[in-house]
Amino acid sequence: MTFAPTLVATLFATLAVTAAPAQAQTPTDPSTRPAPAVSAAPEPTSDGEVRKVDKAQGKLTLKHGPIKNLDMPPMTMVFKVSDPQLLEGLNPGDKIRFAADNLNGAMTVTAVQVLK
C-alpha cells in the first residue's frame, strides 16, 4: 500500500495540530499558584585587598586570590564594577570578599563585602 506524498504531508500536519498539548491555565487564586523558583546557588566569591579605587572610571584595582568561576589564579589586576555604588566606602588596604564575572568581555566586580 502506497500513499501520495501530499497525503502523507497532510496527515502529519493534521497529527501535529491535533496532538499539540493543551496550554495549562494559571489559577486566578494566588494561594494556589506555585511558588517561583529560587536559586539556592551562592554567588561565587574570592578574597582580595583593595589597591586602588577609581570612582571616575568605575574601576577597582585588587590584589586577589583565585577566582574559581573565572578559572583565574591569584594576581593584582584592574576590574570594572557593575554598579558605581560598589566603590562607596572602599579604600586602599581594605580586605574584601567579592564576586566577579566576565560581563561582555570585561572582568567585572558584581558584589563587594568589606571584611573586618
N, C-alpha and C. Protein backbone atom coordinates (compact mmCIF):
# COMPACT_ATOMS: atom_id res chain seq x y z
N MET A 1 0.85 -1.17 0.00
CA MET A 1 0.00 0.00 0.00
C MET A 1 0.90 1.24 0.00
N THR A 2 0.70 2.15 -0.94
CA THR A 2 1.49 3.37 -1.03
C THR A 2 0.59 4.59 -0.91
N PHE A 3 1.17 5.65 -0.36
CA PHE A 3 0.43 6.90 -0.19
C PHE A 3 1.09 7.98 -1.02
N ALA A 4 0.32 8.86 -1.53
CA ALA A 4 0.85 10.00 -2.28
C ALA A 4 1.56 10.92 -1.30
N PRO A 5 2.67 11.53 -1.70
CA PRO A 5 3.43 12.41 -0.79
C PRO A 5 2.58 13.51 -0.18
N THR A 6 1.65 14.10 -0.91
CA THR A 6 0.84 15.17 -0.35
C THR A 6 -0.11 14.65 0.71
N LEU A 7 -0.57 13.41 0.54
CA LEU A 7 -1.45 12.80 1.54
C LEU A 7 -0.69 12.58 2.84
N VAL A 8 0.55 12.12 2.73
CA VAL A 8 1.39 11.88 3.92
C VAL A 8 1.67 13.21 4.61
N ALA A 9 1.99 14.24 3.86
CA ALA A 9 2.28 15.55 4.45
C ALA A 9 1.03 16.09 5.15
N THR A 10 -0.11 15.95 4.55
CA THR A 10 -1.35 16.42 5.15
C THR A 10 -1.64 15.65 6.43
N LEU A 11 -1.43 14.35 6.41
CA LEU A 11 -1.65 13.52 7.58
C LEU A 11 -0.75 13.95 8.74
N PHE A 12 0.53 14.17 8.46
CA PHE A 12 1.46 14.61 9.51
C PHE A 12 1.08 15.99 10.04
N ALA A 13 0.68 16.90 9.17
CA ALA A 13 0.29 18.23 9.60
C ALA A 13 -0.94 18.17 10.49
N THR A 14 -1.88 17.32 10.14
CA THR A 14 -3.09 17.16 10.94
C THR A 14 -2.75 16.58 12.31
N LEU A 15 -1.89 15.57 12.34
CA LEU A 15 -1.48 14.97 13.60
C LEU A 15 -0.74 15.98 14.48
N ALA A 16 0.09 16.80 13.88
CA ALA A 16 0.86 17.77 14.65
C ALA A 16 -0.05 18.79 15.32
N VAL A 17 -1.09 19.21 14.62
CA VAL A 17 -2.01 20.20 15.17
C VAL A 17 -2.89 19.57 16.24
N THR A 18 -3.42 18.39 15.97
CA THR A 18 -4.34 17.77 16.92
C THR A 18 -3.63 17.16 18.11
N ALA A 19 -2.35 16.85 17.96
CA ALA A 19 -1.61 16.23 19.06
C ALA A 19 -0.94 17.26 19.96
N ALA A 20 -1.06 18.54 19.62
CA ALA A 20 -0.42 19.58 20.45
C ALA A 20 -1.06 19.59 21.83
N PRO A 21 -0.23 19.67 22.88
CA PRO A 21 -0.78 19.67 24.24
C PRO A 21 -1.57 20.93 24.52
N ALA A 22 -2.58 20.80 25.32
CA ALA A 22 -3.37 21.96 25.72
C ALA A 22 -2.54 22.82 26.65
N GLN A 23 -2.69 24.13 26.55
CA GLN A 23 -1.95 25.02 27.44
C GLN A 23 -2.55 24.98 28.83
N ALA A 24 -1.67 24.93 29.80
CA ALA A 24 -2.13 24.94 31.18
C ALA A 24 -2.64 26.33 31.53
N GLN A 25 -3.71 26.38 32.26
CA GLN A 25 -4.24 27.66 32.68
C GLN A 25 -3.71 28.00 34.05
N THR A 26 -3.36 29.25 34.24
CA THR A 26 -2.85 29.72 35.52
C THR A 26 -4.02 29.96 36.45
N PRO A 27 -3.98 29.40 37.65
CA PRO A 27 -5.07 29.65 38.59
C PRO A 27 -5.16 31.14 38.92
N THR A 28 -6.37 31.61 39.11
CA THR A 28 -6.54 33.02 39.44
C THR A 28 -6.38 33.27 40.93
N ASP A 29 -6.52 32.26 41.75
CA ASP A 29 -6.36 32.40 43.20
C ASP A 29 -4.86 32.34 43.53
N PRO A 30 -4.26 33.45 44.03
CA PRO A 30 -2.81 33.46 44.30
C PRO A 30 -2.36 32.36 45.26
N SER A 31 -3.22 31.91 46.15
CA SER A 31 -2.81 30.89 47.12
C SER A 31 -2.62 29.53 46.46
N THR A 32 -3.13 29.35 45.24
CA THR A 32 -2.98 28.06 44.56
C THR A 32 -1.90 28.08 43.49
N ARG A 33 -1.31 29.25 43.27
CA ARG A 33 -0.23 29.34 42.28
C ARG A 33 1.05 28.75 42.86
N PRO A 34 1.83 28.09 42.02
CA PRO A 34 3.11 27.57 42.52
C PRO A 34 4.07 28.71 42.84
N ALA A 35 4.91 28.49 43.83
CA ALA A 35 5.90 29.50 44.23
C ALA A 35 6.94 29.62 43.13
N PRO A 36 7.47 30.82 42.89
CA PRO A 36 8.52 30.97 41.89
C PRO A 36 9.78 30.23 42.32
N ALA A 37 10.52 29.75 41.33
CA ALA A 37 11.75 29.03 41.63
C ALA A 37 12.78 30.00 42.18
N VAL A 38 13.49 29.59 43.20
CA VAL A 38 14.53 30.42 43.82
C VAL A 38 15.84 29.66 43.70
N SER A 39 16.85 30.34 43.20
CA SER A 39 18.16 29.72 43.05
C SER A 39 18.85 29.68 44.41
N ALA A 40 19.26 28.50 44.82
CA ALA A 40 19.95 28.34 46.09
C ALA A 40 21.46 28.43 45.93
N ALA A 41 21.92 28.58 44.70
CA ALA A 41 23.36 28.61 44.45
C ALA A 41 23.93 29.94 44.94
N PRO A 42 24.95 29.89 45.81
CA PRO A 42 25.55 31.14 46.29
C PRO A 42 26.37 31.79 45.18
N GLU A 43 26.49 33.11 45.28
CA GLU A 43 27.30 33.85 44.31
C GLU A 43 28.76 33.51 44.58
N PRO A 44 29.54 33.21 43.55
CA PRO A 44 30.95 32.88 43.76
C PRO A 44 31.69 34.06 44.39
N THR A 45 32.57 33.77 45.34
CA THR A 45 33.31 34.85 45.99
C THR A 45 34.79 34.52 46.08
N SER A 46 35.56 35.58 46.16
CA SER A 46 37.02 35.48 46.33
C SER A 46 37.43 36.54 47.34
N ASP A 47 38.59 36.33 47.94
CA ASP A 47 39.13 37.30 48.88
C ASP A 47 40.14 38.18 48.15
N GLY A 48 40.23 39.42 48.59
CA GLY A 48 41.17 40.33 47.96
C GLY A 48 41.50 41.51 48.85
N GLU A 49 42.41 42.32 48.36
CA GLU A 49 42.79 43.56 49.04
C GLU A 49 42.70 44.69 48.03
N VAL A 50 42.03 45.77 48.43
CA VAL A 50 41.89 46.93 47.55
C VAL A 50 43.24 47.62 47.43
N ARG A 51 43.67 47.84 46.19
CA ARG A 51 44.91 48.56 45.93
C ARG A 51 44.63 49.98 45.47
N LYS A 52 43.54 50.16 44.67
CA LYS A 52 43.20 51.49 44.16
C LYS A 52 41.71 51.53 43.86
N VAL A 53 41.09 52.67 44.14
CA VAL A 53 39.68 52.91 43.82
C VAL A 53 39.63 54.07 42.83
N ASP A 54 39.07 53.85 41.65
CA ASP A 54 38.96 54.88 40.63
C ASP A 54 37.48 55.12 40.36
N LYS A 55 36.88 56.02 41.14
CA LYS A 55 35.44 56.30 41.00
C LYS A 55 35.12 56.93 39.65
N ALA A 56 36.01 57.79 39.14
CA ALA A 56 35.75 58.47 37.87
C ALA A 56 35.61 57.47 36.71
N GLN A 57 36.40 56.40 36.74
CA GLN A 57 36.37 55.40 35.67
C GLN A 57 35.51 54.18 36.02
N GLY A 58 35.05 54.12 37.28
CA GLY A 58 34.26 52.95 37.71
C GLY A 58 35.09 51.69 37.73
N LYS A 59 36.33 51.82 38.26
CA LYS A 59 37.27 50.69 38.28
C LYS A 59 37.85 50.49 39.67
N LEU A 60 38.28 49.26 39.90
CA LEU A 60 38.82 48.85 41.19
C LEU A 60 40.03 47.96 40.94
N THR A 61 41.17 48.35 41.51
CA THR A 61 42.37 47.52 41.40
C THR A 61 42.44 46.65 42.65
N LEU A 62 42.52 45.34 42.44
CA LEU A 62 42.54 44.38 43.54
C LEU A 62 43.72 43.44 43.44
N LYS A 63 44.30 43.13 44.59
CA LYS A 63 45.22 42.00 44.72
C LYS A 63 44.32 40.89 45.26
N HIS A 64 44.13 39.85 44.46
CA HIS A 64 43.12 38.85 44.83
C HIS A 64 43.66 37.43 44.82
N GLY A 65 42.93 36.59 45.51
CA GLY A 65 43.21 35.16 45.49
C GLY A 65 42.58 34.55 44.25
N PRO A 66 42.55 33.22 44.17
CA PRO A 66 41.97 32.56 42.99
C PRO A 66 40.49 32.95 42.83
N ILE A 67 40.08 33.11 41.58
CA ILE A 67 38.67 33.35 41.26
C ILE A 67 38.23 32.11 40.50
N LYS A 68 37.60 31.19 41.21
CA LYS A 68 37.28 29.87 40.65
C LYS A 68 36.36 29.94 39.45
N ASN A 69 35.29 30.76 39.52
CA ASN A 69 34.33 30.77 38.41
C ASN A 69 34.93 31.35 37.12
N LEU A 70 36.05 32.07 37.24
CA LEU A 70 36.73 32.61 36.06
C LEU A 70 38.00 31.82 35.73
N ASP A 71 38.27 30.78 36.53
CA ASP A 71 39.47 29.97 36.36
C ASP A 71 40.71 30.87 36.33
N MET A 72 40.78 31.79 37.30
CA MET A 72 41.84 32.80 37.35
C MET A 72 42.72 32.59 38.58
N PRO A 73 44.02 32.56 38.40
CA PRO A 73 44.93 32.41 39.54
C PRO A 73 45.05 33.72 40.31
N PRO A 74 45.67 33.69 41.49
CA PRO A 74 45.90 34.92 42.26
C PRO A 74 46.75 35.91 41.46
N MET A 75 46.41 37.18 41.55
CA MET A 75 47.17 38.24 40.86
C MET A 75 46.64 39.60 41.30
N THR A 76 47.25 40.65 40.81
CA THR A 76 46.76 42.01 41.01
C THR A 76 46.29 42.50 39.65
N MET A 77 45.05 43.00 39.61
CA MET A 77 44.52 43.46 38.34
C MET A 77 43.42 44.49 38.55
N VAL A 78 43.06 45.16 37.46
CA VAL A 78 42.01 46.17 37.47
C VAL A 78 40.71 45.51 36.99
N PHE A 79 39.63 45.78 37.73
CA PHE A 79 38.30 45.30 37.38
C PHE A 79 37.39 46.49 37.14
N LYS A 80 36.42 46.33 36.26
CA LYS A 80 35.30 47.27 36.19
C LYS A 80 34.38 46.91 37.34
N VAL A 81 33.44 47.78 37.66
CA VAL A 81 32.41 47.46 38.65
C VAL A 81 31.06 47.54 37.96
N SER A 82 30.16 46.62 38.32
CA SER A 82 28.84 46.58 37.69
C SER A 82 27.96 47.75 38.13
N ASP A 83 28.26 48.30 39.31
CA ASP A 83 27.48 49.41 39.86
C ASP A 83 28.44 50.34 40.59
N PRO A 84 28.48 51.61 40.24
CA PRO A 84 29.41 52.55 40.90
C PRO A 84 29.22 52.61 42.42
N GLN A 85 28.04 52.28 42.91
CA GLN A 85 27.79 52.27 44.36
C GLN A 85 28.71 51.28 45.08
N LEU A 86 29.20 50.26 44.37
CA LEU A 86 30.09 49.27 44.99
C LEU A 86 31.40 49.91 45.46
N LEU A 87 31.77 51.04 44.89
CA LEU A 87 33.02 51.70 45.25
C LEU A 87 32.91 52.58 46.49
N GLU A 88 31.67 52.90 46.87
CA GLU A 88 31.46 53.77 48.02
C GLU A 88 32.02 53.15 49.30
N GLY A 89 32.83 53.91 50.01
CA GLY A 89 33.38 53.45 51.28
C GLY A 89 34.59 52.55 51.16
N LEU A 90 35.01 52.21 49.94
CA LEU A 90 36.21 51.37 49.78
C LEU A 90 37.45 52.24 49.76
N ASN A 91 38.50 51.74 50.41
CA ASN A 91 39.77 52.46 50.48
C ASN A 91 40.91 51.50 50.25
N PRO A 92 42.02 52.01 49.69
CA PRO A 92 43.19 51.15 49.54
C PRO A 92 43.57 50.52 50.88
N GLY A 93 43.87 49.22 50.83
CA GLY A 93 44.23 48.48 52.03
C GLY A 93 43.08 47.69 52.62
N ASP A 94 41.82 48.00 52.23
CA ASP A 94 40.68 47.25 52.75
C ASP A 94 40.74 45.80 52.30
N LYS A 95 40.49 44.90 53.22
CA LYS A 95 40.35 43.47 52.91
C LYS A 95 38.89 43.25 52.55
N ILE A 96 38.66 42.57 51.41
CA ILE A 96 37.29 42.38 50.95
C ILE A 96 37.04 40.95 50.52
N ARG A 97 35.78 40.61 50.43
CA ARG A 97 35.31 39.40 49.76
C ARG A 97 34.45 39.94 48.61
N PHE A 98 34.67 39.40 47.41
CA PHE A 98 33.98 39.96 46.25
C PHE A 98 33.57 38.86 45.29
N ALA A 99 32.65 39.21 44.43
CA ALA A 99 32.24 38.34 43.33
C ALA A 99 32.60 39.05 42.04
N ALA A 100 33.07 38.29 41.07
CA ALA A 100 33.44 38.85 39.78
C ALA A 100 32.96 37.92 38.68
N ASP A 101 32.72 38.51 37.52
CA ASP A 101 32.28 37.73 36.38
C ASP A 101 32.80 38.40 35.11
N ASN A 102 32.77 37.66 34.02
CA ASN A 102 33.16 38.19 32.73
C ASN A 102 31.88 38.70 32.07
N LEU A 103 31.65 40.00 32.12
CA LEU A 103 30.45 40.60 31.55
C LEU A 103 30.82 41.33 30.26
N ASN A 104 30.32 40.82 29.17
CA ASN A 104 30.58 41.42 27.85
C ASN A 104 32.07 41.58 27.58
N GLY A 105 32.85 40.59 27.99
CA GLY A 105 34.29 40.61 27.72
C GLY A 105 35.12 41.39 28.71
N ALA A 106 34.51 41.96 29.75
CA ALA A 106 35.25 42.74 30.74
C ALA A 106 35.14 42.06 32.11
N MET A 107 36.28 41.89 32.77
CA MET A 107 36.27 41.34 34.12
C MET A 107 35.64 42.38 35.03
N THR A 108 34.54 42.00 35.67
CA THR A 108 33.71 42.96 36.39
C THR A 108 33.37 42.47 37.79
N VAL A 109 33.59 43.33 38.78
CA VAL A 109 33.18 43.03 40.16
C VAL A 109 31.68 43.30 40.25
N THR A 110 30.94 42.30 40.76
CA THR A 110 29.49 42.41 40.84
C THR A 110 28.97 42.53 42.27
N ALA A 111 29.83 42.24 43.26
CA ALA A 111 29.45 42.35 44.67
C ALA A 111 30.71 42.53 45.49
N VAL A 112 30.60 43.32 46.58
CA VAL A 112 31.74 43.57 47.47
C VAL A 112 31.26 43.57 48.91
N GLN A 113 32.07 42.91 49.75
CA GLN A 113 31.81 42.94 51.20
C GLN A 113 33.14 43.23 51.88
N VAL A 114 33.19 44.32 52.67
CA VAL A 114 34.41 44.66 53.38
C VAL A 114 34.50 43.72 54.59
N LEU A 115 35.69 43.12 54.77
CA LEU A 115 35.91 42.20 55.90
C LEU A 115 36.46 42.98 57.09
N LYS A 116 36.13 42.56 58.26
CA LYS A 116 36.61 43.23 59.47
C LYS A 116 37.84 42.55 59.99
